[in-house]
Protein backbone atom coordinates (compact mmCIF):
# COMPACT_ATOMS: atom_id res chain seq x y z
CA MET A 1 103.57 -60.78 91.32
CA GLY A 2 102.56 -60.09 94.91
CA LYS A 3 102.82 -61.84 98.25
CA TYR A 4 100.33 -64.59 97.33
CA GLU A 5 102.23 -65.84 94.29
CA ASN A 6 101.21 -69.38 93.34
CA PRO A 7 101.27 -71.75 90.35
CA MET A 8 98.06 -70.27 88.90
CA SER A 9 99.35 -66.71 89.09
CA ARG A 10 102.65 -67.79 87.56
CA GLN A 11 100.72 -69.40 84.71
CA VAL A 12 98.85 -66.13 84.17
CA TYR A 13 102.10 -64.15 84.09
CA SER A 14 103.45 -66.57 81.50
CA LEU A 15 100.54 -65.92 79.13
CA PRO A 16 101.91 -62.90 77.21
CA GLN A 17 104.96 -64.79 75.96
CA LEU A 18 102.91 -67.95 75.49
CA ILE A 19 100.51 -66.04 73.24
CA ARG A 20 103.38 -64.79 71.09
CA ASP A 21 105.04 -68.22 70.90
CA GLN A 22 101.86 -70.20 70.29
CA TYR A 23 100.80 -67.85 67.53
CA GLU A 24 103.96 -68.73 65.61
CA ASP A 25 103.22 -72.44 66.10
CA LEU A 26 99.48 -72.48 65.46
CA GLU A 27 99.06 -69.94 62.68
CA PRO A 28 100.64 -72.12 59.95
CA LYS A 29 99.05 -75.29 61.34
CA THR A 30 95.53 -73.84 61.22
CA ARG A 31 96.05 -72.81 57.59
CA THR A 32 96.90 -76.35 56.47
CA VAL A 33 95.07 -78.82 58.74
CA LEU A 34 92.03 -78.89 56.43
CA SER A 35 92.10 -78.64 52.64
CA PHE A 36 90.28 -75.95 50.63
CA GLN A 37 87.72 -78.54 49.53
CA GLU A 38 87.09 -79.75 53.08
CA ILE A 39 86.54 -76.17 54.24
CA PHE A 40 84.20 -75.42 51.33
CA ASN A 41 82.19 -78.56 52.11
CA ILE A 42 81.37 -77.46 55.66
CA GLN A 43 77.65 -76.85 56.12
CA ARG A 44 77.48 -77.03 59.90
CA ILE A 45 79.98 -77.15 62.78
CA ILE A 46 79.76 -78.86 66.15
CA LEU A 47 82.28 -77.84 68.82
CA THR A 48 82.61 -80.37 71.62
CA GLY A 49 84.69 -81.10 74.69
CA CYS A 50 84.55 -81.38 78.47
CA GLY A 51 85.47 -78.90 81.20
CA ASP A 52 87.84 -76.17 80.00
CA SER A 53 87.68 -77.53 76.45
CA TYR A 54 83.91 -77.12 76.46
CA ALA A 55 84.40 -73.53 77.65
CA ALA A 56 86.82 -72.92 74.76
CA GLY A 57 84.04 -73.95 72.39
CA MET A 58 81.63 -71.52 74.04
CA ALA A 59 84.26 -68.78 73.82
CA THR A 60 84.59 -69.17 70.04
CA LYS A 61 81.10 -70.21 68.87
CA HIS A 62 80.08 -66.68 67.92
CA ALA A 63 83.45 -66.06 66.27
CA PHE A 64 82.93 -69.07 63.99
CA GLU A 65 79.44 -67.91 63.06
CA MET A 66 80.39 -64.27 62.54
CA LEU A 67 83.48 -65.06 60.49
CA THR A 68 82.15 -67.96 58.41
CA GLY A 69 78.36 -67.60 58.24
CA ILE A 70 78.16 -71.33 59.11
CA PRO A 71 75.70 -72.49 61.82
CA VAL A 72 77.63 -73.62 64.90
CA GLU A 73 76.59 -75.64 67.95
CA VAL A 74 78.52 -76.14 71.16
CA VAL A 75 77.57 -79.61 72.39
CA PRO A 76 78.87 -81.20 75.63
CA ALA A 77 80.68 -84.43 74.85
CA ILE A 78 78.17 -86.60 76.72
CA GLU A 79 75.29 -85.02 74.78
CA LEU A 80 77.03 -85.69 71.48
CA SER A 81 77.98 -89.26 72.40
CA ARG A 82 74.78 -90.43 74.07
CA PHE A 83 71.86 -88.15 73.14
CA TYR A 84 72.47 -86.17 69.92
CA CYS A 85 69.93 -87.09 67.23
CA GLU A 86 71.45 -89.55 64.79
CA LYS A 87 69.53 -87.97 61.90
CA HIS A 88 71.60 -84.79 62.30
CA LEU A 89 74.93 -86.61 62.07
CA GLY A 90 76.59 -87.44 58.76
CA VAL A 91 73.97 -85.58 56.73
CA ASP A 92 75.93 -84.94 53.53
CA CYS A 93 79.58 -84.66 52.38
CA GLN A 94 80.92 -85.55 55.82
CA ASN A 95 78.78 -82.95 57.57
CA PRO A 96 78.68 -81.64 60.15
CA LEU A 97 82.32 -80.95 60.88
CA VAL A 98 82.94 -82.00 64.49
CA ILE A 99 85.79 -80.14 66.17
CA ALA A 100 86.65 -81.97 69.37
CA VAL A 101 89.01 -80.31 71.85
CA SER A 102 91.06 -82.04 74.56
CA ASN A 103 94.67 -81.15 75.27
CA SER A 104 95.34 -84.57 76.81
CA GLY A 105 93.15 -86.37 74.28
CA GLY A 106 92.45 -89.03 76.88
CA VAL A 107 89.04 -87.98 78.19
CA ALA A 108 86.71 -90.94 77.75
CA ARG A 109 83.61 -89.00 76.84
CA VAL A 110 85.36 -86.99 74.13
CA SER A 111 86.75 -90.19 72.62
CA GLU A 112 83.28 -91.70 72.68
CA ALA A 113 81.75 -88.61 71.06
CA VAL A 114 84.17 -88.56 68.13
CA GLN A 115 83.84 -92.29 67.58
CA ARG A 116 80.08 -91.91 67.31
CA ALA A 117 80.38 -88.86 65.06
CA ARG A 118 82.76 -90.67 62.75
CA LEU A 119 80.60 -93.82 62.72
CA HIS A 120 77.69 -91.75 61.42
CA GLY A 121 79.64 -89.95 58.69
CA CYS A 122 80.83 -86.68 60.23
CA LEU A 123 84.24 -85.22 59.45
CA VAL A 124 86.17 -85.12 62.74
CA LEU A 125 88.94 -82.66 63.53
CA GLY A 126 90.70 -83.36 66.82
CA VAL A 127 92.48 -80.53 68.63
CA THR A 128 94.92 -82.16 71.06
CA GLY A 129 98.46 -82.21 72.33
CA ASN A 130 98.76 -86.01 72.21
CA LEU A 131 98.96 -87.75 68.86
CA GLU A 132 98.84 -91.15 70.58
CA SER A 133 95.62 -90.37 72.42
CA PRO A 134 92.18 -91.88 71.72
CA LEU A 135 91.00 -88.49 70.41
CA ALA A 136 93.81 -88.32 67.86
CA ARG A 137 93.37 -91.95 66.81
CA HIS A 138 89.65 -91.54 66.15
CA SER A 139 89.86 -88.19 64.31
CA HIS A 140 90.19 -87.83 60.54
CA LYS A 141 92.49 -84.83 60.99
CA VAL A 142 94.43 -83.56 64.00
CA LEU A 143 95.49 -80.03 64.92
CA LYS A 144 98.48 -80.77 67.16
CA LEU A 145 98.95 -78.52 70.17
CA ASP A 146 102.49 -78.10 71.49
CA ILE A 147 102.23 -76.37 74.87
CA PRO A 148 105.55 -76.13 76.73
CA ALA A 149 105.61 -77.87 80.08
CA PHE A 150 104.88 -75.70 83.12
CA GLU A 151 104.17 -76.30 86.79
CA SER A 152 100.75 -77.86 87.32
CA ALA A 153 97.70 -75.74 88.13
CA PRO A 154 94.02 -75.64 87.13
CA GLY A 155 94.00 -75.12 83.36
CA THR A 156 95.15 -71.62 82.45
CA ARG A 157 97.81 -71.91 79.77
CA SER A 158 96.07 -74.86 78.10
CA TYR A 159 92.75 -72.99 77.98
CA MET A 160 94.32 -69.99 76.26
CA VAL A 161 95.98 -72.20 73.65
CA CYS A 162 92.72 -74.03 72.91
CA VAL A 163 90.89 -70.73 72.46
CA MET A 164 93.65 -69.44 70.18
CA ALA A 165 93.59 -72.60 68.07
CA LEU A 166 89.83 -72.32 67.56
CA LEU A 167 90.00 -68.58 66.78
CA LEU A 168 92.67 -69.13 64.15
CA LEU A 169 90.62 -71.95 62.62
CA ALA A 170 87.59 -69.66 62.43
CA ILE A 171 89.65 -66.95 60.73
CA ARG A 172 90.98 -69.49 58.24
CA PHE A 173 87.56 -70.90 57.41
CA GLY A 174 86.15 -67.43 56.70
CA GLU A 175 89.17 -66.53 54.58
CA VAL A 176 88.92 -69.65 52.41
CA ARG A 177 85.17 -69.23 51.97
CA GLY A 178 85.66 -65.66 50.72
CA LYS A 179 84.00 -63.84 53.60
CA TYR A 180 86.86 -61.30 53.67
CA THR A 181 90.17 -60.66 51.97
CA MET A 182 93.48 -62.31 52.81
CA ASP A 183 94.73 -58.94 54.10
CA TYR A 184 91.75 -58.68 56.46
CA ALA A 185 92.36 -62.23 57.67
CA MET A 186 96.01 -61.46 58.36
CA ASP A 187 95.03 -58.30 60.26
CA MET A 188 92.79 -60.40 62.50
CA ARG A 189 95.62 -62.87 63.02
CA TYR A 190 97.97 -60.06 64.03
CA ASP A 191 95.32 -58.88 66.47
CA VAL A 192 95.35 -62.36 68.03
CA LYS A 193 99.12 -62.16 68.49
CA ASN A 194 98.94 -58.58 69.79
CA GLN A 195 96.83 -59.68 72.75
CA GLY A 196 100.05 -60.85 74.39
CA ASP A 197 101.50 -57.34 74.38
CA LEU A 198 98.25 -55.77 75.57
CA LEU A 199 97.87 -58.26 78.41
CA GLU A 200 101.47 -57.75 79.50
CA LYS A 201 100.88 -54.02 79.99
CA LEU A 202 97.72 -54.53 82.04
CA LEU A 203 98.89 -57.43 84.23
CA PRO A 204 100.39 -55.40 87.13
CA GLU A 205 97.20 -53.39 87.68
CA MET A 206 95.02 -56.46 87.13
CA ASP A 207 97.09 -58.43 89.62
CA ALA A 208 96.85 -55.77 92.33
CA VAL A 209 93.04 -55.60 92.05
CA CYS A 210 92.68 -59.39 92.13
CA GLU A 211 94.95 -59.67 95.17
CA LYS A 212 92.97 -57.06 97.09
CA THR A 213 89.66 -58.66 96.08
CA ALA A 214 90.87 -62.08 97.20
CA GLU A 215 91.74 -60.66 100.62
CA GLU A 216 88.25 -59.18 100.95
CA TRP A 217 86.40 -62.22 99.55
CA LYS A 218 88.37 -65.15 100.98
CA GLU A 219 85.75 -66.03 103.63
CA PHE A 220 82.75 -65.85 101.30
CA PRO A 221 80.89 -69.17 100.99
CA CYS A 222 79.81 -68.61 97.38
CA TYR A 223 80.80 -66.85 94.15
CA ASP A 224 78.62 -65.83 91.22
CA PHE A 225 79.96 -65.38 87.67
CA VAL A 226 77.81 -63.58 85.09
CA GLY A 227 78.24 -62.78 81.39
CA SER A 228 76.57 -62.98 77.97
CA GLY A 229 77.75 -64.00 74.51
CA PHE A 230 81.56 -63.95 74.32
CA ASP A 231 81.62 -62.97 77.97
CA TYR A 232 79.59 -65.95 79.17
CA ALA A 233 82.43 -68.35 78.41
CA THR A 234 84.69 -66.38 80.76
CA ALA A 235 81.96 -66.48 83.43
CA TRP A 236 81.61 -70.26 82.99
CA PHE A 237 85.38 -70.67 83.13
CA GLY A 238 85.55 -68.51 86.27
CA GLN A 239 83.18 -70.70 88.26
CA ALA A 240 85.21 -73.72 87.11
CA LYS A 241 88.45 -72.23 88.43
CA ILE A 242 86.88 -71.40 91.82
CA LEU A 243 85.68 -74.99 92.17
CA GLU A 244 89.02 -76.44 91.13
CA ALA A 245 91.25 -74.06 93.07
CA THR A 246 89.22 -73.49 96.25
CA GLY A 247 86.50 -76.15 96.45
CA LYS A 248 83.91 -73.49 97.30
CA PHE A 249 80.46 -73.22 95.77
CA ALA A 250 80.34 -71.24 92.54
CA MET A 251 77.64 -70.40 90.01
CA HIS A 252 77.61 -69.29 86.38
CA ILE A 253 74.71 -67.70 84.56
CA ASN A 254 73.98 -65.34 81.69
CA ALA A 255 73.08 -61.72 82.30
CA GLU A 256 69.38 -62.15 81.53
CA GLU A 257 68.81 -65.32 83.54
CA TRP A 258 70.56 -63.69 86.51
CA PHE A 259 67.49 -61.46 86.92
CA HIS A 260 65.23 -64.52 86.83
CA LEU A 261 67.25 -66.74 89.19
CA ASN A 262 70.45 -65.71 90.98
CA PHE A 263 69.02 -62.28 91.71
CA PHE A 264 66.96 -63.86 94.52
CA ALA A 265 69.83 -65.43 96.48
CA ARG A 266 69.86 -64.50 100.17
CA GLN A 267 72.90 -63.16 102.04
CA ALA A 268 73.79 -61.06 99.01
CA ASP A 269 76.56 -59.33 100.95
CA GLU A 270 78.43 -62.67 101.13
CA ILE A 271 78.21 -63.59 97.43
CA GLY A 272 81.35 -62.55 95.57
CA THR A 273 79.94 -61.46 92.21
CA VAL A 274 82.11 -61.33 89.08
CA VAL A 275 80.49 -59.65 86.08
CA VAL A 276 82.13 -60.01 82.67
CA GLY A 277 80.95 -57.10 80.56
CA ASN A 278 82.80 -55.82 77.53
CA THR A 279 81.68 -52.55 76.00
CA THR A 280 81.37 -53.91 72.43
CA SER A 281 79.01 -56.72 73.45
CA PRO A 282 75.48 -56.62 71.98
CA GLY A 283 74.33 -57.47 75.51
CA PHE A 284 76.13 -54.53 77.12
CA SER A 285 73.00 -52.56 78.04
CA ARG A 286 71.63 -55.51 80.01
CA THR A 287 74.98 -55.98 81.74
CA LYS A 288 74.93 -52.33 82.81
CA GLU A 289 71.50 -52.86 84.35
CA LEU A 290 72.79 -55.94 86.14
CA VAL A 291 75.71 -54.03 87.65
CA HIS A 292 73.30 -51.37 88.89
CA TYR A 293 70.95 -53.83 90.58
CA ALA A 294 73.76 -55.93 92.01
CA ARG A 295 74.92 -52.76 93.78
CA GLU A 296 71.36 -52.14 94.96
CA LEU A 297 71.42 -55.60 96.53
CA GLY A 298 74.69 -54.83 98.28
CA ARG A 299 76.61 -57.54 96.49
CA PRO A 300 80.43 -57.38 96.65
CA MET A 301 81.30 -57.09 92.96
CA VAL A 302 84.08 -56.80 90.42
CA VAL A 303 83.49 -56.08 86.74
CA ILE A 304 85.90 -57.51 84.18
CA THR A 305 85.77 -55.15 81.20
CA ASP A 306 87.67 -53.25 78.56
CA GLY A 307 85.89 -50.14 79.88
CA GLY A 308 85.40 -48.64 83.31
CA ALA A 309 83.11 -46.66 85.62
CA GLU A 310 82.54 -44.09 82.88
CA ASP A 311 80.90 -46.80 80.73
CA PHE A 312 78.79 -48.42 83.45
CA GLY A 313 77.83 -45.34 85.44
CA GLU A 314 78.42 -47.17 88.72
CA GLU A 315 81.11 -46.97 91.36
CA THR A 316 82.43 -50.47 91.93
CA THR A 317 85.66 -52.40 91.37
CA TYR A 318 86.71 -52.70 87.74
CA ILE A 319 89.37 -55.01 86.31
CA ARG A 320 90.54 -53.72 82.98
CA VAL A 321 91.36 -56.29 80.31
CA PRO A 322 92.71 -55.86 76.75
CA SER A 323 90.56 -54.16 74.14
CA PRO A 324 91.35 -55.91 70.85
CA LYS A 325 90.78 -54.38 67.43
CA TYR A 326 88.41 -57.24 66.58
CA PRO A 327 85.89 -58.20 69.32
CA VAL A 328 86.10 -61.89 68.36
CA CYS A 329 89.58 -61.91 69.97
CA MET A 330 88.24 -60.91 73.40
CA PRO A 331 88.04 -64.42 74.92
CA LEU A 332 91.77 -64.92 74.38
CA THR A 333 92.80 -62.90 77.45
CA HIS A 334 89.71 -61.89 79.40
CA PHE A 335 89.79 -65.00 81.57
CA ALA A 336 93.14 -64.06 83.15
CA PRO A 337 91.65 -62.18 86.17
CA VAL A 338 89.48 -65.11 87.24
CA CYS A 339 92.56 -67.34 87.38
CA LEU A 340 94.41 -64.79 89.51
CA LEU A 341 91.42 -64.41 91.83
CA ALA A 342 90.91 -68.17 92.27
CA GLY A 343 94.61 -68.77 92.83
CA TYR A 344 94.91 -66.07 95.47
CA ILE A 345 91.83 -67.25 97.37
CA SER A 346 93.23 -70.79 97.41
CA VAL A 347 96.45 -69.48 98.99
CA LEU A 348 94.61 -67.37 101.56
CA ILE A 349 92.41 -70.25 102.76
CA GLY A 350 95.16 -72.86 102.51
CA GLU A 351 93.34 -75.03 99.98
CA LYS A 352 95.02 -77.47 97.59
CA TYR A 353 94.11 -77.46 93.90
CA GLY A 354 91.69 -80.26 93.11
CA ARG A 355 91.66 -81.13 96.83
CA GLY A 356 95.10 -82.62 96.23
CA CYS A 357 93.43 -85.84 95.06
CA GLU A 358 93.45 -86.85 98.72
CA GLY A 359 90.87 -88.49 100.96
CA PRO A 360 87.50 -88.89 99.19
CA TRP A 361 89.05 -87.41 96.04
CA ALA A 362 91.86 -89.98 95.83
CA PHE A 363 90.11 -91.91 93.06
CA ALA A 364 90.62 -88.92 90.73
CA GLU A 365 94.43 -89.13 90.80
CA GLY A 366 95.83 -88.72 87.29
CA GLY A 367 92.42 -87.80 85.90
CA ALA A 368 91.09 -91.30 86.47
CA GLY A 369 87.57 -90.01 87.09
CA VAL A 370 87.29 -88.71 83.51
CA LYS A 371 89.57 -91.16 81.70
CA ASN A 372 88.42 -94.50 83.11
CA SER A 373 84.85 -94.78 81.92
CA GLU A 374 82.98 -97.31 79.82
CA ILE A 375 82.92 -96.39 76.13
CA ILE A 376 79.61 -97.02 74.37
CA VAL A 377 79.36 -96.18 70.67
CA ARG A 378 76.07 -96.47 68.83
């Protein structure tokens, strides 16, 4: 790590070993948390959560659909708890399956969402690190996360573990439902574990690029994160980390809507633009066009990709990330650069994570702003 080392960067550097360790913990758990019959009964899946947990759902939605053939929705917890049509809950045989993610398990809106889902006949699987939490208490089944303690920083380690847990569940569901052989399933699981080794090799180069970019971008008033499909979750997560770590304005958008909206932003030379564009993505051609036009606008830009200039045909800054054997594993590591970038900018501008819960933000100490909220179940 370089001269701007901080808790976020240390969390990123801990990820390779965390991936290897968490695989050993989660792989057997994800094979047993639901029975064969429960998996066969699944007709529809809803992934829900708040903040980083919501992003983990977005990161794995397509993996669930590709591996299982089951329709999957990613629904924000407040939408599921207050607005989701009752007629589409508890349709038949405890369907849909609601997978609710919250490492702490204490977020009020997630608790409310699973209580409503259960009230109306859904099967609820909670993914949490706290068996005493409201999420665990109101779930039929719990996939217990055991993330070793680490110095506090905007969610980096916890996000990776949530993504891994959901990926391994998706692999298991497809295996049980006969979508591929047991050998194929195990090969995908090994690919999940192998991301730790691949990330470890790329971290020094990744770190150097992020450090240099942070130096060049530290005074920018705004940052723009763009991606599609698997990549969009990383873009969403990136804007979240900028907000948490630096307090600066940040945007997230998909590669098509960027041309319809963010494309028109003034002072383009002061908008730090992060494009997430992996070469195997079905949306890759549109991402290439975006990179071209962002350069035409004079936007400062980095591209997070498993490829490089030879794939995009443009000279800009590229941050190389692991290229897994199975594209569904991409979200497991491709968020690492945005955490490094956000952490380094926070150091350079002297900003505290989460504003230090000081001054106007004091009410949020201990997560009070998301934990202390009226629960309404209907």
